[in-house]
Amino acid sequence: MRKGPALLTIAVVVALFALSQHARQQRAELPDLHGMTLRAAQLATRDAGFGHLAGADALDHHRVPLWGDNWKVCSQQPPPARYATTTLITVRVVKTPEACPGP
């Protein structure tokens, strides 16, 4: 077996591992999203450096929040603090004219 291709493969694997470790170590401040429209929450989390935001119907009516400007954020998980930018942020939302459910 020739050493050139094997060494190149090892170098690529090591570089990819280093990049994934670096990405995992990136941290950012997650803002308070409560009261924002879903669209504003999406923009705020993206601007803060987070890439994963999921919306769920806070009233458990199994509705899918498609139009971000028609939904408002009632709660978020995790709460505002500093997290890895790979953290999944989940917001519970209601239609904008609806009231958020109690605790």
N, C-alpha and C. Protein backbone atom coordinates (compact mmCIF):
# COMPACT_ATOMS: atom_id res chain seq x y z
N MET A 1 0.85 -1.19 0.00
CA MET A 1 0.00 0.00 0.00
C MET A 1 0.88 1.24 0.00
N ARG A 2 0.50 2.21 -0.78
CA ARG A 2 1.27 3.44 -0.85
C ARG A 2 0.94 4.33 0.34
N LYS A 3 1.94 5.01 0.86
CA LYS A 3 1.75 5.83 2.06
C LYS A 3 1.06 7.16 1.76
N GLY A 4 1.21 7.69 0.56
CA GLY A 4 0.64 8.99 0.23
C GLY A 4 -0.86 9.07 0.45
N PRO A 5 -1.67 8.21 -0.18
CA PRO A 5 -3.12 8.27 0.01
C PRO A 5 -3.55 8.01 1.45
N ALA A 6 -2.86 7.10 2.14
CA ALA A 6 -3.22 6.80 3.52
C ALA A 6 -2.95 8.01 4.41
N LEU A 7 -1.82 8.67 4.22
CA LEU A 7 -1.51 9.85 5.03
C LEU A 7 -2.48 10.99 4.73
N LEU A 8 -2.85 11.14 3.48
CA LEU A 8 -3.81 12.18 3.12
C LEU A 8 -5.16 11.92 3.76
N THR A 9 -5.59 10.67 3.77
CA THR A 9 -6.86 10.30 4.39
C THR A 9 -6.83 10.60 5.88
N ILE A 10 -5.75 10.25 6.54
CA ILE A 10 -5.61 10.52 7.98
C ILE A 10 -5.64 12.02 8.25
N ALA A 11 -4.94 12.79 7.41
CA ALA A 11 -4.90 14.24 7.60
C ALA A 11 -6.30 14.84 7.45
N VAL A 12 -7.06 14.37 6.47
CA VAL A 12 -8.41 14.88 6.26
C VAL A 12 -9.30 14.54 7.45
N VAL A 13 -9.21 13.31 7.95
CA VAL A 13 -10.02 12.90 9.10
C VAL A 13 -9.68 13.74 10.32
N VAL A 14 -8.41 13.96 10.57
CA VAL A 14 -7.99 14.77 11.72
C VAL A 14 -8.49 16.21 11.57
N ALA A 15 -8.41 16.77 10.37
CA ALA A 15 -8.87 18.14 10.14
C ALA A 15 -10.38 18.25 10.36
N LEU A 16 -11.13 17.30 9.86
CA LEU A 16 -12.58 17.32 10.05
C LEU A 16 -12.96 17.18 11.52
N PHE A 17 -12.25 16.33 12.24
CA PHE A 17 -12.49 16.18 13.67
C PHE A 17 -12.21 17.49 14.40
N ALA A 18 -11.12 18.16 14.07
CA ALA A 18 -10.77 19.43 14.71
C ALA A 18 -11.84 20.48 14.43
N LEU A 19 -12.33 20.52 13.19
CA LEU A 19 -13.39 21.48 12.85
C LEU A 19 -14.67 21.20 13.62
N SER A 20 -15.02 19.92 13.76
CA SER A 20 -16.25 19.60 14.49
C SER A 20 -16.11 19.94 15.97
N GLN A 21 -14.93 19.74 16.54
CA GLN A 21 -14.70 20.11 17.93
C GLN A 21 -14.80 21.62 18.10
N HIS A 22 -14.24 22.36 17.15
CA HIS A 22 -14.30 23.82 17.20
C HIS A 22 -15.75 24.29 17.13
N ALA A 23 -16.55 23.69 16.23
CA ALA A 23 -17.96 24.09 16.10
C ALA A 23 -18.71 23.80 17.39
N ARG A 24 -18.42 22.68 18.05
CA ARG A 24 -19.10 22.35 19.29
C ARG A 24 -18.75 23.33 20.40
N GLN A 25 -17.58 23.92 20.32
CA GLN A 25 -17.13 24.81 21.38
C GLN A 25 -17.62 26.25 21.19
N GLN A 26 -18.19 26.57 20.04
CA GLN A 26 -18.72 27.91 19.82
C GLN A 26 -19.90 28.14 20.75
N ARG A 27 -19.87 29.24 21.47
CA ARG A 27 -20.95 29.54 22.41
C ARG A 27 -21.46 30.95 22.12
N ALA A 28 -22.73 31.17 22.44
CA ALA A 28 -23.34 32.48 22.22
C ALA A 28 -24.43 32.70 23.26
N GLU A 29 -24.81 33.95 23.40
CA GLU A 29 -25.87 34.33 24.34
C GLU A 29 -27.22 34.17 23.66
N LEU A 30 -28.07 33.32 24.22
CA LEU A 30 -29.43 33.14 23.70
C LEU A 30 -30.31 34.23 24.29
N PRO A 31 -30.95 35.04 23.43
CA PRO A 31 -31.79 36.12 23.96
C PRO A 31 -33.13 35.61 24.49
N ASP A 32 -33.80 36.48 25.23
CA ASP A 32 -35.17 36.19 25.69
C ASP A 32 -36.09 36.38 24.50
N LEU A 33 -36.79 35.34 24.09
CA LEU A 33 -37.64 35.37 22.91
C LEU A 33 -39.12 35.59 23.24
N HIS A 34 -39.45 35.56 24.51
CA HIS A 34 -40.84 35.66 24.96
C HIS A 34 -41.50 36.92 24.42
N GLY A 35 -42.68 36.75 23.82
CA GLY A 35 -43.45 37.88 23.30
C GLY A 35 -43.12 38.26 21.87
N MET A 36 -42.03 37.76 21.31
CA MET A 36 -41.66 38.05 19.93
C MET A 36 -42.55 37.25 18.98
N THR A 37 -42.67 37.72 17.76
CA THR A 37 -43.28 36.87 16.74
C THR A 37 -42.29 35.74 16.46
N LEU A 38 -42.80 34.66 15.92
CA LEU A 38 -41.93 33.53 15.59
C LEU A 38 -40.86 33.97 14.61
N ARG A 39 -41.22 34.79 13.65
CA ARG A 39 -40.25 35.28 12.66
C ARG A 39 -39.15 36.10 13.33
N ALA A 40 -39.52 36.99 14.26
CA ALA A 40 -38.52 37.78 14.98
C ALA A 40 -37.63 36.88 15.82
N ALA A 41 -38.20 35.84 16.43
CA ALA A 41 -37.41 34.89 17.22
C ALA A 41 -36.43 34.14 16.34
N GLN A 42 -36.87 33.75 15.13
CA GLN A 42 -35.98 33.07 14.19
C GLN A 42 -34.80 33.96 13.83
N LEU A 43 -35.08 35.22 13.54
CA LEU A 43 -34.02 36.16 13.19
C LEU A 43 -33.09 36.42 14.36
N ALA A 44 -33.65 36.57 15.56
CA ALA A 44 -32.84 36.86 16.74
C ALA A 44 -31.88 35.70 17.07
N THR A 45 -32.39 34.47 16.97
CA THR A 45 -31.52 33.33 17.27
C THR A 45 -30.46 33.17 16.19
N ARG A 46 -30.85 33.39 14.94
CA ARG A 46 -29.87 33.28 13.86
C ARG A 46 -28.79 34.36 14.00
N ASP A 47 -29.22 35.59 14.30
CA ASP A 47 -28.26 36.68 14.48
C ASP A 47 -27.32 36.44 15.67
N ALA A 48 -27.82 35.72 16.68
CA ALA A 48 -26.99 35.39 17.84
C ALA A 48 -26.01 34.26 17.54
N GLY A 49 -26.24 33.54 16.43
CA GLY A 49 -25.32 32.47 16.04
C GLY A 49 -25.87 31.07 16.15
N PHE A 50 -27.14 30.93 16.54
CA PHE A 50 -27.75 29.61 16.67
C PHE A 50 -28.36 29.19 15.34
N GLY A 51 -28.33 27.90 15.07
CA GLY A 51 -28.83 27.42 13.79
C GLY A 51 -30.05 26.53 13.87
N HIS A 52 -30.49 26.20 15.08
CA HIS A 52 -31.58 25.24 15.22
C HIS A 52 -32.69 25.80 16.10
N LEU A 53 -33.81 26.18 15.48
CA LEU A 53 -34.98 26.68 16.21
C LEU A 53 -36.20 25.89 15.75
N ALA A 54 -36.93 25.36 16.70
CA ALA A 54 -38.16 24.61 16.40
C ALA A 54 -39.33 25.28 17.10
N GLY A 55 -40.46 25.35 16.40
CA GLY A 55 -41.67 25.92 16.97
C GLY A 55 -42.70 24.83 17.22
N ALA A 56 -43.42 24.94 18.33
CA ALA A 56 -44.47 23.98 18.67
C ALA A 56 -45.70 24.74 19.17
N ASP A 57 -46.87 24.22 18.86
CA ASP A 57 -48.14 24.84 19.26
C ASP A 57 -48.29 24.75 20.78
N ALA A 58 -48.30 25.90 21.44
CA ALA A 58 -48.39 25.94 22.91
C ALA A 58 -49.75 25.48 23.42
N LEU A 59 -50.78 25.52 22.58
CA LEU A 59 -52.11 25.09 23.00
C LEU A 59 -52.37 23.61 22.70
N ASP A 60 -51.36 22.95 22.16
CA ASP A 60 -51.44 21.51 21.83
C ASP A 60 -52.62 21.19 20.91
N HIS A 61 -52.88 22.08 19.96
CA HIS A 61 -53.92 21.83 18.96
C HIS A 61 -53.33 21.17 17.72
N HIS A 62 -52.08 20.80 17.77
CA HIS A 62 -51.37 20.12 16.68
C HIS A 62 -51.31 20.96 15.41
N ARG A 63 -51.29 22.27 15.57
CA ARG A 63 -51.14 23.16 14.44
C ARG A 63 -49.65 23.32 14.14
N VAL A 64 -49.33 23.53 12.88
CA VAL A 64 -47.94 23.72 12.47
C VAL A 64 -47.73 25.21 12.21
N PRO A 65 -46.84 25.85 12.97
CA PRO A 65 -46.60 27.28 12.77
C PRO A 65 -45.79 27.55 11.51
N LEU A 66 -46.48 27.91 10.43
CA LEU A 66 -45.81 28.13 9.16
C LEU A 66 -45.45 29.59 8.93
N TRP A 67 -46.41 30.49 9.05
CA TRP A 67 -46.15 31.91 8.82
C TRP A 67 -45.65 32.53 10.12
N GLY A 68 -44.38 32.84 10.18
CA GLY A 68 -43.76 33.32 11.40
C GLY A 68 -44.34 34.58 11.98
N ASP A 69 -44.92 35.44 11.14
CA ASP A 69 -45.49 36.69 11.64
C ASP A 69 -46.86 36.50 12.26
N ASN A 70 -47.47 35.33 12.09
CA ASN A 70 -48.80 35.05 12.63
C ASN A 70 -48.76 34.33 13.98
N TRP A 71 -47.58 34.10 14.50
CA TRP A 71 -47.42 33.36 15.76
C TRP A 71 -46.57 34.18 16.72
N LYS A 72 -46.86 34.08 18.03
CA LYS A 72 -46.03 34.75 19.03
C LYS A 72 -45.50 33.72 20.01
N VAL A 73 -44.34 34.01 20.56
CA VAL A 73 -43.64 33.10 21.45
C VAL A 73 -44.18 33.24 22.87
N CYS A 74 -44.60 32.10 23.45
CA CYS A 74 -45.06 32.08 24.84
C CYS A 74 -43.95 31.64 25.79
N SER A 75 -43.12 30.71 25.34
CA SER A 75 -42.03 30.22 26.18
C SER A 75 -40.93 29.66 25.29
N GLN A 76 -39.78 29.47 25.90
CA GLN A 76 -38.65 28.92 25.16
C GLN A 76 -37.89 27.94 26.04
N GLN A 77 -37.26 27.01 25.37
CA GLN A 77 -36.41 26.04 26.07
C GLN A 77 -35.16 25.85 25.23
N PRO A 78 -34.01 26.08 25.72
CA PRO A 78 -33.65 26.48 27.07
C PRO A 78 -33.91 27.98 27.29
N PRO A 79 -33.87 28.39 28.55
CA PRO A 79 -34.09 29.80 28.87
C PRO A 79 -32.90 30.66 28.42
N PRO A 80 -33.07 31.98 28.42
CA PRO A 80 -31.97 32.86 28.01
C PRO A 80 -30.73 32.63 28.88
N ALA A 81 -29.62 32.40 28.22
CA ALA A 81 -28.31 32.21 28.87
C ALA A 81 -27.30 31.95 27.76
N ARG A 82 -26.10 31.55 28.14
CA ARG A 82 -25.03 31.26 27.17
C ARG A 82 -25.00 29.76 26.89
N TYR A 83 -25.05 29.37 25.60
CA TYR A 83 -25.09 27.97 25.19
C TYR A 83 -24.20 27.75 23.98
N ALA A 84 -23.94 26.48 23.70
CA ALA A 84 -23.28 26.11 22.45
C ALA A 84 -24.20 26.49 21.30
N THR A 85 -23.63 26.98 20.23
CA THR A 85 -24.45 27.42 19.10
C THR A 85 -25.14 26.26 18.38
N THR A 86 -24.78 25.04 18.73
CA THR A 86 -25.44 23.86 18.15
C THR A 86 -26.66 23.44 18.96
N THR A 87 -26.96 24.15 20.05
CA THR A 87 -28.10 23.83 20.91
C THR A 87 -29.42 24.01 20.15
N LEU A 88 -30.33 23.06 20.31
CA LEU A 88 -31.67 23.19 19.73
C LEU A 88 -32.51 24.08 20.63
N ILE A 89 -33.07 25.13 20.07
CA ILE A 89 -33.96 26.03 20.81
C ILE A 89 -35.38 25.69 20.39
N THR A 90 -36.24 25.43 21.35
CA THR A 90 -37.64 25.13 21.08
C THR A 90 -38.50 26.24 21.66
N VAL A 91 -39.36 26.80 20.84
CA VAL A 91 -40.29 27.83 21.32
C VAL A 91 -41.70 27.30 21.21
N ARG A 92 -42.51 27.58 22.23
CA ARG A 92 -43.93 27.22 22.21
C ARG A 92 -44.66 28.48 21.83
N VAL A 93 -45.50 28.40 20.80
CA VAL A 93 -46.12 29.58 20.21
C VAL A 93 -47.64 29.42 20.12
N VAL A 94 -48.33 30.58 20.05
CA VAL A 94 -49.77 30.63 19.77
C VAL A 94 -49.98 31.61 18.64
N LYS A 95 -51.15 31.56 18.00
CA LYS A 95 -51.49 32.55 16.99
C LYS A 95 -51.47 33.93 17.67
N THR A 96 -51.11 34.97 16.94
CA THR A 96 -50.92 36.28 17.56
C THR A 96 -52.14 36.81 18.31
N PRO A 97 -53.40 36.57 17.89
CA PRO A 97 -54.51 37.10 18.70
C PRO A 97 -54.82 36.25 19.93
N GLU A 98 -54.23 35.06 20.06
CA GLU A 98 -54.53 34.17 21.18
C GLU A 98 -53.69 34.50 22.41
N ALA A 99 -54.21 34.12 23.57
CA ALA A 99 -53.47 34.28 24.82
C ALA A 99 -52.61 33.05 25.05
N CYS A 100 -51.45 33.27 25.63
CA CYS A 100 -50.57 32.16 25.99
C CYS A 100 -51.21 31.38 27.14
N PRO A 101 -51.01 30.06 27.13
CA PRO A 101 -51.55 29.27 28.24
C PRO A 101 -50.83 29.57 29.54
N GLY A 102 -51.49 29.30 30.65
CA GLY A 102 -50.87 29.51 31.96
C GLY A 102 -49.75 28.51 32.19
N PRO A 103 -49.00 28.71 33.29
CA PRO A 103 -47.85 27.82 33.56
C PRO A 103 -48.19 26.37 33.75
